[in-house]
Structures are given as structure tokens and as C-alpha cells.
Amino acid sequence: MRADEIQVTGDLELNGDYLSDACAAQVGGLGMAPVSNIGDGFGVFEATHGTAPKYADRCNQSSSVMLSGAMMFEFLGWKEAATLIEDGIARHHPAKAP
């Protein structure tokens, strides 16, 4: 898979769910992957597989919710708010060198 070349996929519900789970695993797990469904002028933004309240003690479960919020702010044109969220998460989850 050449994920760096793909920005949008159109899939049926079940296949899209499998694909989004597989992609989320590549970037840190379901707790790190934001989700959006965008139509003509409207958008729905959510955490991948819900908020998982039983895992509330694990910080990267909430990262999915916060990143979905950042996507929503960007969609609304509030890029500064989106950047503040993304930068805060990046500071909390620093990239690890291979």
C-alpha cells in the first residue's frame, strides 16, 4: 500500500470499516485515528470506534476525539484552533525514531 498517495477512499460500510482499522493500526492504533464523513457543506467528525470510556485511563484513546475536533475546526475554517490541537498532541506523543 502506498498510503502517502491516498487521501480519500470510497468504500462500502463493512469494507471501509476494515480498511480504516488497518490504516489506524499503521499510525498508532484506533485511539489515535480521527474520522470524518464530509458531504456537500456538512461534516460529521468522530472518534474511530467511539470514545471507549472503559479505556479512559489511557491518554491516546482521547487523542482520536481531539484529532477529530481538529479536523472539524479545519473544515469550519478555524485553522489556528486545529493547529493548536494538533501541536499539543504532537508534544504529548512525540514521534519515535525508527
PDB file of N, CA and C in Angstrom:
ATOM      1  N   MET A   1       0.835  -1.170   0.000  1.00  0.00           N
ATOM      2  CA  MET A   1       0.000   0.000   0.000  1.00  0.00           C
ATOM      3  C   MET A   1       0.886   1.241   0.000  1.00  0.00           C
ATOM      4  N   ARG A   2       0.535   2.203  -0.810  1.00  0.00           N
ATOM      5  CA  ARG A   2       1.259   3.477  -0.866  1.00  0.00           C
ATOM      6  C   ARG A   2       0.378   4.549  -0.233  1.00  0.00           C
ATOM      7  N   ALA A   3       0.271   4.498   1.081  1.00  0.00           N
ATOM      8  CA  ALA A   3      -0.651   5.366   1.816  1.00  0.00           C
ATOM      9  C   ALA A   3      -0.369   6.847   1.594  1.00  0.00           C
ATOM     10  N   ASP A   4       0.866   7.209   1.321  1.00  0.00           N
ATOM     11  CA  ASP A   4       1.190   8.620   1.109  1.00  0.00           C
ATOM     12  C   ASP A   4       0.580   9.172  -0.168  1.00  0.00           C
ATOM     13  N   GLU A   5       0.072   8.300  -1.049  1.00  0.00           N
ATOM     14  CA  GLU A   5      -0.544   8.730  -2.298  1.00  0.00           C
ATOM     15  C   GLU A   5      -2.068   8.766  -2.222  1.00  0.00           C
ATOM     16  N   ILE A   6      -2.649   8.351  -1.094  1.00  0.00           N
ATOM     17  CA  ILE A   6      -4.103   8.247  -0.968  1.00  0.00           C
ATOM     18  C   ILE A   6      -4.595   9.236   0.083  1.00  0.00           C
ATOM     19  N   GLN A   7      -5.594  10.043  -0.286  1.00  0.00           N
ATOM     20  CA  GLN A   7      -6.187  10.963   0.675  1.00  0.00           C
ATOM     21  C   GLN A   7      -7.634  10.605   0.983  1.00  0.00           C
ATOM     22  N   VAL A   8      -8.328  10.023   0.023  1.00  0.00           N
ATOM     23  CA  VAL A   8      -9.749   9.707   0.193  1.00  0.00           C
ATOM     24  C   VAL A   8     -10.032   8.355  -0.453  1.00  0.00           C
ATOM     25  N   THR A   9     -10.837   7.540   0.227  1.00  0.00           N
ATOM     26  CA  THR A   9     -11.326   6.301  -0.375  1.00  0.00           C
ATOM     27  C   THR A   9     -12.837   6.279  -0.254  1.00  0.00           C
ATOM     28  N   GLY A  10     -13.480   5.633  -1.181  1.00  0.00           N
ATOM     29  CA  GLY A  10     -14.925   5.431  -1.124  1.00  0.00           C
ATOM     30  C   GLY A  10     -15.192   3.945  -1.024  1.00  0.00           C
ATOM     31  N   ASP A  11     -15.778   3.505   0.072  1.00  0.00           N
ATOM     32  CA  ASP A  11     -15.972   2.083   0.319  1.00  0.00           C
ATOM     33  C   ASP A  11     -17.357   1.817   0.881  1.00  0.00           C
ATOM     34  N   LEU A  12     -17.777   0.569   0.766  1.00  0.00           N
ATOM     35  CA  LEU A  12     -18.994   0.138   1.433  1.00  0.00           C
ATOM     36  C   LEU A  12     -18.732   0.101   2.938  1.00  0.00           C
ATOM     37  N   GLU A  13     -19.769   0.112   3.734  1.00  0.00           N
ATOM     38  CA  GLU A  13     -19.652   0.208   5.199  1.00  0.00           C
ATOM     39  C   GLU A  13     -18.667  -0.801   5.786  1.00  0.00           C
ATOM     40  N   LEU A  14     -18.871  -2.074   5.536  1.00  0.00           N
ATOM     41  CA  LEU A  14     -18.031  -3.099   6.164  1.00  0.00           C
ATOM     42  C   LEU A  14     -16.593  -3.030   5.664  1.00  0.00           C
ATOM     43  N   ASN A  15     -16.410  -2.893   4.355  1.00  0.00           N
ATOM     44  CA  ASN A  15     -15.050  -2.813   3.821  1.00  0.00           C
ATOM     45  C   ASN A  15     -14.346  -1.551   4.287  1.00  0.00           C
ATOM     46  N   GLY A  16     -15.074  -0.453   4.359  1.00  0.00           N
ATOM     47  CA  GLY A  16     -14.492   0.783   4.856  1.00  0.00           C
ATOM     48  C   GLY A  16     -14.068   0.662   6.306  1.00  0.00           C
ATOM     49  N   ASP A  17     -14.852  -0.075   7.091  1.00  0.00           N
ATOM     50  CA  ASP A  17     -14.506  -0.289   8.497  1.00  0.00           C
ATOM     51  C   ASP A  17     -13.211  -1.082   8.617  1.00  0.00           C
ATOM     52  N   TYR A  18     -13.086  -2.143   7.845  1.00  0.00           N
ATOM     53  CA  TYR A  18     -11.845  -2.932   7.870  1.00  0.00           C
ATOM     54  C   TYR A  18     -10.651  -2.087   7.433  1.00  0.00           C
ATOM     55  N   LEU A  19     -10.842  -1.325   6.364  1.00  0.00           N
ATOM     56  CA  LEU A  19      -9.751  -0.511   5.838  1.00  0.00           C
ATOM     57  C   LEU A  19      -9.339   0.570   6.829  1.00  0.00           C
ATOM     58  N   SER A  20     -10.319   1.232   7.443  1.00  0.00           N
ATOM     59  CA  SER A  20      -9.977   2.287   8.405  1.00  0.00           C
ATOM     60  C   SER A  20      -9.271   1.704   9.630  1.00  0.00           C
ATOM     61  N   ASP A  21      -9.665   0.521  10.060  1.00  0.00           N
ATOM     62  CA  ASP A  21      -8.980  -0.123  11.190  1.00  0.00           C
ATOM     63  C   ASP A  21      -7.533  -0.456  10.837  1.00  0.00           C
ATOM     64  N   ALA A  22      -7.335  -0.993   9.641  1.00  0.00           N
ATOM     65  CA  ALA A  22      -5.977  -1.354   9.208  1.00  0.00           C
ATOM     66  C   ALA A  22      -5.093  -0.115   9.090  1.00  0.00           C
ATOM     67  N   CYS A  23      -5.645   0.958   8.566  1.00  0.00           N
ATOM     68  CA  CYS A  23      -4.877   2.201   8.441  1.00  0.00           C
ATOM     69  C   CYS A  23      -4.587   2.803   9.813  1.00  0.00           C
ATOM     70  N   ALA A  24      -5.559   2.738  10.710  1.00  0.00           N
ATOM     71  CA  ALA A  24      -5.362   3.272  12.058  1.00  0.00           C
ATOM     72  C   ALA A  24      -4.239   2.532  12.774  1.00  0.00           C
ATOM     73  N   ALA A  25      -4.126   1.238  12.534  1.00  0.00           N
ATOM     74  CA  ALA A  25      -3.059   0.454  13.165  1.00  0.00           C
ATOM     75  C   ALA A  25      -1.683   0.928  12.716  1.00  0.00           C
ATOM     76  N   GLN A  26      -1.605   1.498  11.532  1.00  0.00           N
ATOM     77  CA  GLN A  26      -0.323   1.967  11.000  1.00  0.00           C
ATOM     78  C   GLN A  26       0.152   3.266  11.653  1.00  0.00           C
ATOM     79  N   VAL A  27      -0.760   4.004  12.281  1.00  0.00           N
ATOM     80  CA  VAL A  27      -0.398   5.305  12.847  1.00  0.00           C
ATOM     81  C   VAL A  27      -0.518   5.372  14.362  1.00  0.00           C
ATOM     82  N   GLY A  28      -0.651   4.234  15.013  1.00  0.00           N
ATOM     83  CA  GLY A  28      -0.682   4.239  16.469  1.00  0.00           C
ATOM     84  C   GLY A  28      -1.903   3.597  17.083  1.00  0.00           C
ATOM     85  N   GLY A  29      -2.809   3.083  16.276  1.00  0.00           N
ATOM     86  CA  GLY A  29      -3.970   2.381  16.804  1.00  0.00           C
ATOM     87  C   GLY A  29      -5.252   3.176  16.669  1.00  0.00           C
ATOM     88  N   LEU A  30      -6.357   2.524  16.994  1.00  0.00           N
ATOM     89  CA  LEU A  30      -7.671   3.151  16.859  1.00  0.00           C
ATOM     90  C   LEU A  30      -7.825   4.390  17.713  1.00  0.00           C
ATOM     91  N   GLY A  31      -7.116   4.441  18.829  1.00  0.00           N
ATOM     92  CA  GLY A  31      -7.216   5.595  19.721  1.00  0.00           C
ATOM     93  C   GLY A  31      -6.561   6.851  19.186  1.00  0.00           C
ATOM     94  N   MET A  32      -5.823   6.733  18.086  1.00  0.00           N
ATOM     95  CA  MET A  32      -5.134   7.895  17.503  1.00  0.00           C
ATOM     96  C   MET A  32      -5.756   8.357  16.193  1.00  0.00           C
ATOM     97  N   ALA A  33      -6.681   7.603  15.634  1.00  0.00           N
ATOM     98  CA  ALA A  33      -7.177   7.898  14.288  1.00  0.00           C
ATOM     99  C   ALA A  33      -8.496   8.675  14.320  1.00  0.00           C
ATOM    100  N   PRO A  34      -8.490   9.893  13.784  1.00  0.00           N
ATOM    101  CA  PRO A  34      -9.738  10.645  13.695  1.00  0.00           C
ATOM    102  C   PRO A  34     -10.554  10.194  12.487  1.00  0.00           C
ATOM    103  N   VAL A  35     -11.844  10.487  12.501  1.00  0.00           N
ATOM    104  CA  VAL A  35     -12.727  10.102  11.404  1.00  0.00           C
ATOM    105  C   VAL A  35     -13.597  11.289  11.023  1.00  0.00           C
ATOM    106  N   SER A  36     -13.813  11.441   9.724  1.00  0.00           N
ATOM    107  CA  SER A  36     -14.779  12.440   9.263  1.00  0.00           C
ATOM    108  C   SER A  36     -15.556  11.885   8.086  1.00  0.00           C
ATOM    109  N   ASN A  37     -16.803  12.281   8.016  1.00  0.00           N
ATOM    110  CA  ASN A  37     -17.665  11.991   6.878  1.00  0.00           C
ATOM    111  C   ASN A  37     -18.148  13.344   6.394  1.00  0.00           C
ATOM    112  N   ILE A  38     -17.689  13.743   5.211  1.00  0.00           N
ATOM    113  CA  ILE A  38     -17.966  15.087   4.718  1.00  0.00           C
ATOM    114  C   ILE A  38     -18.803  15.009   3.452  1.00  0.00           C
ATOM    115  N   GLY A  39     -19.883  15.771   3.453  1.00  0.00           N
ATOM    116  CA  GLY A  39     -20.752  15.858   2.288  1.00  0.00           C
ATOM    117  C   GLY A  39     -20.717  17.260   1.719  1.00  0.00           C
ATOM    118  N   ASP A  40     -21.779  17.650   1.055  1.00  0.00           N
ATOM    119  CA  ASP A  40     -21.868  18.969   0.444  1.00  0.00           C
ATOM    120  C   ASP A  40     -22.139  20.036   1.511  1.00  0.00           C
ATOM    121  N   GLY A  41     -21.058  20.553   2.093  1.00  0.00           N
ATOM    122  CA  GLY A  41     -21.197  21.621   3.063  1.00  0.00           C
ATOM    123  C   GLY A  41     -21.446  21.169   4.487  1.00  0.00           C
ATOM    124  N   PHE A  42     -21.531  19.881   4.719  1.00  0.00           N
ATOM    125  CA  PHE A  42     -21.778  19.348   6.054  1.00  0.00           C
ATOM    126  C   PHE A  42     -20.726  18.301   6.382  1.00  0.00           C
ATOM    127  N   GLY A  43     -20.435  18.138   7.658  1.00  0.00           N
ATOM    128  CA  GLY A  43     -19.483  17.130   8.079  1.00  0.00           C
ATOM    129  C   GLY A  43     -19.847  16.550   9.427  1.00  0.00           C
ATOM    130  N   VAL A  44     -19.492  15.293   9.617  1.00  0.00           N
ATOM    131  CA  VAL A  44     -19.642  14.615  10.902  1.00  0.00           C
ATOM    132  C   VAL A  44     -18.247  14.141  11.290  1.00  0.00           C
ATOM    133  N   PHE A  45     -17.840  14.453  12.499  1.00  0.00           N
ATOM    134  CA  PHE A  45     -16.492  14.139  12.961  1.00  0.00           C
ATOM    135  C   PHE A  45     -16.610  13.329  14.241  1.00  0.00           C
ATOM    136  N   GLU A  46     -15.862  12.236  14.327  1.00  0.00           N
ATOM    137  CA  GLU A  46     -15.995  11.346  15.479  1.00  0.00           C
ATOM    138  C   GLU A  46     -14.710  10.576  15.723  1.00  0.00           C
ATOM    139  N   ALA A  47     -14.631   9.980  16.888  1.00  0.00           N
ATOM    140  CA  ALA A  47     -13.507   9.104  17.210  1.00  0.00           C
ATOM    141  C   ALA A  47     -13.713   7.763  16.516  1.00  0.00           C
ATOM    142  N   THR A  48     -12.640   7.158  16.072  1.00  0.00           N
ATOM    143  CA  THR A  48     -12.725   5.835  15.479  1.00  0.00           C
ATOM    144  C   THR A  48     -13.242   4.868  16.527  1.00  0.00           C
ATOM    145  N   HIS A  49     -14.278   4.145  16.222  1.00  0.00           N
ATOM    146  CA  HIS A  49     -14.896   3.171  17.132  1.00  0.00           C
ATOM    147  C   HIS A  49     -15.351   3.783  18.446  1.00  0.00           C
ATOM    148  N   GLY A  50     -15.846   5.008  18.397  1.00  0.00           N
ATOM    149  CA  GLY A  50     -16.386   5.623  19.607  1.00  0.00           C
ATOM    150  C   GLY A  50     -15.314   6.137  20.542  1.00  0.00           C
ATOM    151  N   THR A  51     -15.726   6.489  21.742  1.00  0.00           N
ATOM    152  CA  THR A  51     -14.796   7.096  22.695  1.00  0.00           C
ATOM    153  C   THR A  51     -14.141   6.096  23.644  1.00  0.00           C
ATOM    154  N   ALA A  52     -14.615   4.856  23.661  1.00  0.00           N
ATOM    155  CA  ALA A  52     -14.034   3.793  24.500  1.00  0.00           C
ATOM    156  C   ALA A  52     -13.861   4.232  25.951  1.00  0.00           C
ATOM    157  N   PRO A  53     -14.954   4.592  26.647  1.00  0.00           N
ATOM    158  CA  PRO A  53     -14.828   5.099  28.019  1.00  0.00           C
ATOM    159  C   PRO A  53     -14.175   4.109  28.973  1.00  0.00           C
ATOM    160  N   LYS A  54     -14.248   2.810  28.686  1.00  0.00           N
ATOM    161  CA  LYS A  54     -13.603   1.856  29.601  1.00  0.00           C
ATOM    162  C   LYS A  54     -12.082   1.971  29.572  1.00  0.00           C
ATOM    163  N   TYR A  55     -11.544   2.677  28.546  1.00  0.00           N
ATOM    164  CA  TYR A  55     -10.102   2.891  28.456  1.00  0.00           C
ATOM    165  C   TYR A  55      -9.730   4.337  28.777  1.00  0.00           C
ATOM    166  N   ALA A  56     -10.536   5.010  29.571  1.00  0.00           N
ATOM    167  CA  ALA A  56     -10.338   6.431  29.847  1.00  0.00           C
ATOM    168  C   ALA A  56      -8.985   6.727  30.481  1.00  0.00           C
ATOM    169  N   ASP A  57      -8.380   5.748  31.149  1.00  0.00           N
ATOM    170  CA  ASP A  57      -7.088   5.979  31.781  1.00  0.00           C
ATOM    171  C   ASP A  57      -5.924   5.953  30.794  1.00  0.00           C
ATOM    172  N   ARG A  58      -6.201   5.634  29.547  1.00  0.00           N
ATOM    173  CA  ARG A  58      -5.162   5.601  28.513  1.00  0.00           C
ATOM    174  C   ARG A  58      -5.310   6.848  27.654  1.00  0.00           C
ATOM    175  N   CYS A  59      -4.290   7.696  27.684  1.00  0.00           N
ATOM    176  CA  CYS A  59      -4.428   9.014  27.055  1.00  0.00           C
ATOM    177  C   CYS A  59      -4.641   8.945  25.555  1.00  0.00           C
ATOM    178  N   ASN A  60      -4.123   7.936  24.851  1.00  0.00           N
ATOM    179  CA  ASN A  60      -4.277   8.039  23.412  1.00  0.00           C
ATOM    180  C   ASN A  60      -5.667   7.611  22.937  1.00  0.00           C
ATOM    181  N   GLN A  61      -6.569   7.156  23.825  1.00  0.00           N
ATOM    182  CA  GLN A  61      -7.967   6.976  23.429  1.00  0.00           C
ATOM    183  C   GLN A  61      -8.610   8.328  23.177  1.00  0.00           C
ATOM    184  N   SER A  62      -8.262   9.315  23.992  1.00  0.00           N
ATOM    185  CA  SER A  62      -8.849  10.639  23.821  1.00  0.00           C
ATOM    186  C   SER A  62      -8.225  11.394  22.652  1.00  0.00           C
ATOM    187  N   SER A  63      -7.071  10.969  22.192  1.00  0.00           N
ATOM    188  CA  SER A  63      -6.426  11.645  21.071  1.00  0.00           C
ATOM    189  C   SER A  63      -7.279  11.571  19.817  1.00  0.00           C
ATOM    190  N   SER A  64      -7.962  10.471  19.608  1.00  0.00           N
ATOM    191  CA  SER A  64      -8.844  10.329  18.453  1.00  0.00           C
ATOM    192  C   SER A  64      -9.960  11.367  18.489  1.00  0.00           C
ATOM    193  N   VAL A  65     -10.539  11.590  19.663  1.00  0.00           N
ATOM    194  CA  VAL A  65     -11.595  12.592  19.819  1.00  0.00           C
ATOM    195  C   VAL A  65     -11.032  13.988  19.540  1.00  0.00           C
ATOM    196  N   MET A  66      -9.873  14.287  20.115  1.00  0.00           N
ATOM    197  CA  MET A  66      -9.286  15.613  19.931  1.00  0.00           C
ATOM    198  C   MET A  66      -8.887  15.853  18.479  1.00  0.00           C
ATOM    199  N   LEU A  67      -8.311  14.836  17.821  1.00  0.00           N
ATOM    200  CA  LEU A  67      -7.931  14.988  16.415  1.00  0.00           C
ATOM    201  C   LEU A  67      -9.153  15.125  15.514  1.00  0.00           C
ATOM    202  N   SER A  68     -10.239  14.452  15.869  1.00  0.00           N
ATOM    203  CA  SER A  68     -11.489  14.635  15.116  1.00  0.00           C
ATOM    204  C   SER A  68     -11.980  16.074  15.275  1.00  0.00           C
ATOM    205  N   GLY A  69     -11.829  16.622  16.478  1.00  0.00           N
ATOM    206  CA  GLY A  69     -12.177  18.024  16.702  1.00  0.00           C
ATOM    207  C   GLY A  69     -11.310  18.952  15.871  1.00  0.00           C
ATOM    208  N   ALA A  70     -10.018  18.641  15.771  1.00  0.00           N
ATOM    209  CA  ALA A  70      -9.121  19.450  14.941  1.00  0.00           C
ATOM    210  C   ALA A  70      -9.559  19.402  13.476  1.00  0.00           C
ATOM    211  N   MET A  71      -9.957  18.222  13.002  1.00  0.00           N
ATOM    212  CA  MET A  71     -10.458  18.105  11.627  1.00  0.00           C
ATOM    213  C   MET A  71     -11.716  18.953  11.443  1.00  0.00           C
ATOM    214  N   MET A  72     -12.586  18.960  12.446  1.00  0.00           N
ATOM    215  CA  MET A  72     -13.804  19.759  12.370  1.00  0.00           C
ATOM    216  C   MET A  72     -13.470  21.247  12.296  1.00  0.00           C
ATOM    217  N   PHE A  73     -12.540  21.701  13.150  1.00  0.00           N
ATOM    218  CA  PHE A  73     -12.152  23.109  13.127  1.00  0.00           C
ATOM    219  C   PHE A  73     -11.566  23.496  11.768  1.00  0.00           C
ATOM    220  N   GLU A  74     -10.749  22.614  11.204  1.00  0.00           N
ATOM    221  CA  GLU A  74     -10.189  22.902   9.884  1.00  0.00           C
ATOM    222  C   GLU A  74     -11.299  22.985   8.834  1.00  0.00           C
ATOM    223  N   PHE A  75     -12.252  22.081   8.900  1.00  0.00           N
ATOM    224  CA  PHE A  75     -13.398  22.084   7.985  1.00  0.00           C
ATOM    225  C   PHE A  75     -14.173  23.399   8.087  1.00  0.00           C
ATOM    226  N   LEU A  76     -14.289  23.914   9.314  1.00  0.00           N
ATOM    227  CA  LEU A  76     -15.011  25.163   9.551  1.00  0.00           C
ATOM    228  C   LEU A  76     -14.185  26.406   9.196  1.00  0.00           C
ATOM    229  N   GLY A  77     -12.906  26.168   8.856  1.00  0.00           N
ATOM    230  CA  GLY A  77     -12.037  27.293   8.519  1.00  0.00           C
ATOM    231  C   GLY A  77     -11.281  27.859   9.696  1.00  0.00           C
ATOM    232  N   TRP A  78     -11.344  27.203  10.830  1.00  0.00           N
ATOM    233  CA  TRP A  78     -10.658  27.658  12.046  1.00  0.00           C
ATOM    234  C   TRP A  78      -9.301  26.948  12.141  1.00  0.00           C
ATOM    235  N   LYS A  79      -8.431  27.252  11.225  1.00  0.00           N
ATOM    236  CA  LYS A  79      -7.153  26.547  11.116  1.00  0.00           C
ATOM    237  C   LYS A  79      -6.243  26.737  12.332  1.00  0.00           C
ATOM    238  N   GLU A  80      -6.305  27.925  12.942  1.00  0.00           N
ATOM    239  CA  GLU A  80      -5.462  28.165  14.121  1.00  0.00           C
ATOM    240  C   GLU A  80      -5.850  27.237  15.272  1.00  0.00           C
ATOM    241  N   ALA A  81      -7.149  27.045  15.488  1.00  0.00           N
ATOM    242  CA  ALA A  81      -7.611  26.137  16.547  1.00  0.00           C
ATOM    243  C   ALA A  81      -7.178  24.706  16.235  1.00  0.00           C
ATOM    244  N   ALA A  82      -7.301  24.308  14.974  1.00  0.00           N
ATOM    245  CA  ALA A  82      -6.890  22.959  14.572  1.00  0.00           C
ATOM    246  C   ALA A  82      -5.397  22.754  14.819  1.00  0.00           C
ATOM    247  N   THR A  83      -4.612  23.741  14.466  1.00  0.00           N
ATOM    248  CA  THR A  83      -3.154  23.646  14.646  1.00  0.00           C
ATOM    249  C   THR A  83      -2.783  23.553  16.116  1.00  0.00           C
ATOM    250  N   LEU A  84      -3.458  24.310  16.976  1.00  0.00           N
ATOM    251  CA  LEU A  84      -3.167  24.251  18.417  1.00  0.00           C
ATOM    252  C   LEU A  84      -3.411  22.839  18.960  1.00  0.00           C
ATOM    253  N   ILE A  85      -4.499  22.222  18.546  1.00  0.00           N
ATOM    254  CA  ILE A  85      -4.800  20.850  18.994  1.00  0.00           C
ATOM    255  C   ILE A  85      -3.755  19.883  18.479  1.00  0.00           C
ATOM    256  N   GLU A  86      -3.475  19.948  17.190  1.00  0.00           N
ATOM    257  CA  GLU A  86      -2.505  19.027  16.591  1.00  0.00           C
ATOM    258  C   GLU A  86      -1.121  19.185  17.210  1.00  0.00           C
ATOM    259  N   ASP A  87      -0.696  20.428  17.439  1.00  0.00           N
ATOM    260  CA  ASP A  87       0.618  20.665  18.056  1.00  0.00           C
ATOM    261  C   ASP A  87       0.673  20.139  19.482  1.00  0.00           C
ATOM    262  N   GLY A  88      -0.416  20.313  20.240  1.00  0.00           N
ATOM    263  CA  GLY A  88      -0.459  19.800  21.608  1.00  0.00           C
ATOM    264  C   GLY A  88      -0.356  18.289  21.652  1.00  0.00           C
ATOM    265  N   ILE A  89      -1.045  17.618  20.747  1.00  0.00           N
ATOM    266  CA  ILE A  89      -0.964  16.153  20.702  1.00  0.00           C
ATOM    267  C   ILE A  89       0.418  15.706  20.263  1.00  0.00           C
ATOM    268  N   ALA A  90       1.000  16.413  19.312  1.00  0.00           N
ATOM    269  CA  ALA A  90       2.347  16.064  18.853  1.00  0.00           C
ATOM    270  C   ALA A  90       3.358  16.200  19.995  1.00  0.00           C
ATOM    271  N   ARG A  91       3.190  17.207  20.852  1.00  0.00           N
ATOM    272  CA  ARG A  91       4.097  17.356  22.000  1.00  0.00           C
ATOM    273  C   ARG A  91       3.900  16.233  23.018  1.00  0.00           C
ATOM    274  N   HIS A  92       2.666  15.785  23.155  1.00  0.00           N
ATOM    275  CA  HIS A  92       2.374  14.737  24.124  1.00  0.00           C
ATOM    276  C   HIS A  92       2.761  13.344  23.613  1.00  0.00           C
ATOM    277  N   HIS A  93       2.672  13.145  22.302  1.00  0.00           N
ATOM    278  CA  HIS A  93       3.012  11.864  21.671  1.00  0.00           C
ATOM    279  C   HIS A  93       4.150  12.102  20.683  1.00  0.00           C
ATOM    280  N   PRO A  94       5.361  12.361  21.145  1.00  0.00           N
ATOM    281  CA  PRO A  94       6.455  12.635  20.208  1.00  0.00           C
ATOM    282  C   PRO A  94       6.749  11.426  19.320  1.00  0.00           C
ATOM    283  N   ALA A  95       7.093  11.718  18.084  1.00  0.00           N
ATOM    284  CA  ALA A  95       7.431  10.643  17.145  1.00  0.00           C
ATOM    285  C   ALA A  95       8.678   9.927  17.635  1.00  0.00           C
ATOM    286  N   LYS A  96       8.673   8.630  17.472  1.00  0.00           N
ATOM    287  CA  LYS A  96       9.830   7.840  17.878  1.00  0.00           C
ATOM    288  C   LYS A  96      10.679   7.524  16.657  1.00  0.00           C
ATOM    289  N   ALA A  97      11.972   7.675  16.781  1.00  0.00           N
ATOM    290  CA  ALA A  97      12.870   7.376  15.666  1.00  0.00           C
ATOM    291  C   ALA A  97      12.872   5.870  15.424  1.00  0.00           C
ATOM    292  N   PRO A  98      12.919   5.488  14.155  1.00  0.00           N
ATOM    293  CA  PRO A  98      12.939   4.040  13.854  1.00  0.00           C
ATOM    294  C   PRO A  98      14.218   3.369  14.298  1.00  0.00           C
TER     295      PRO A  98
END
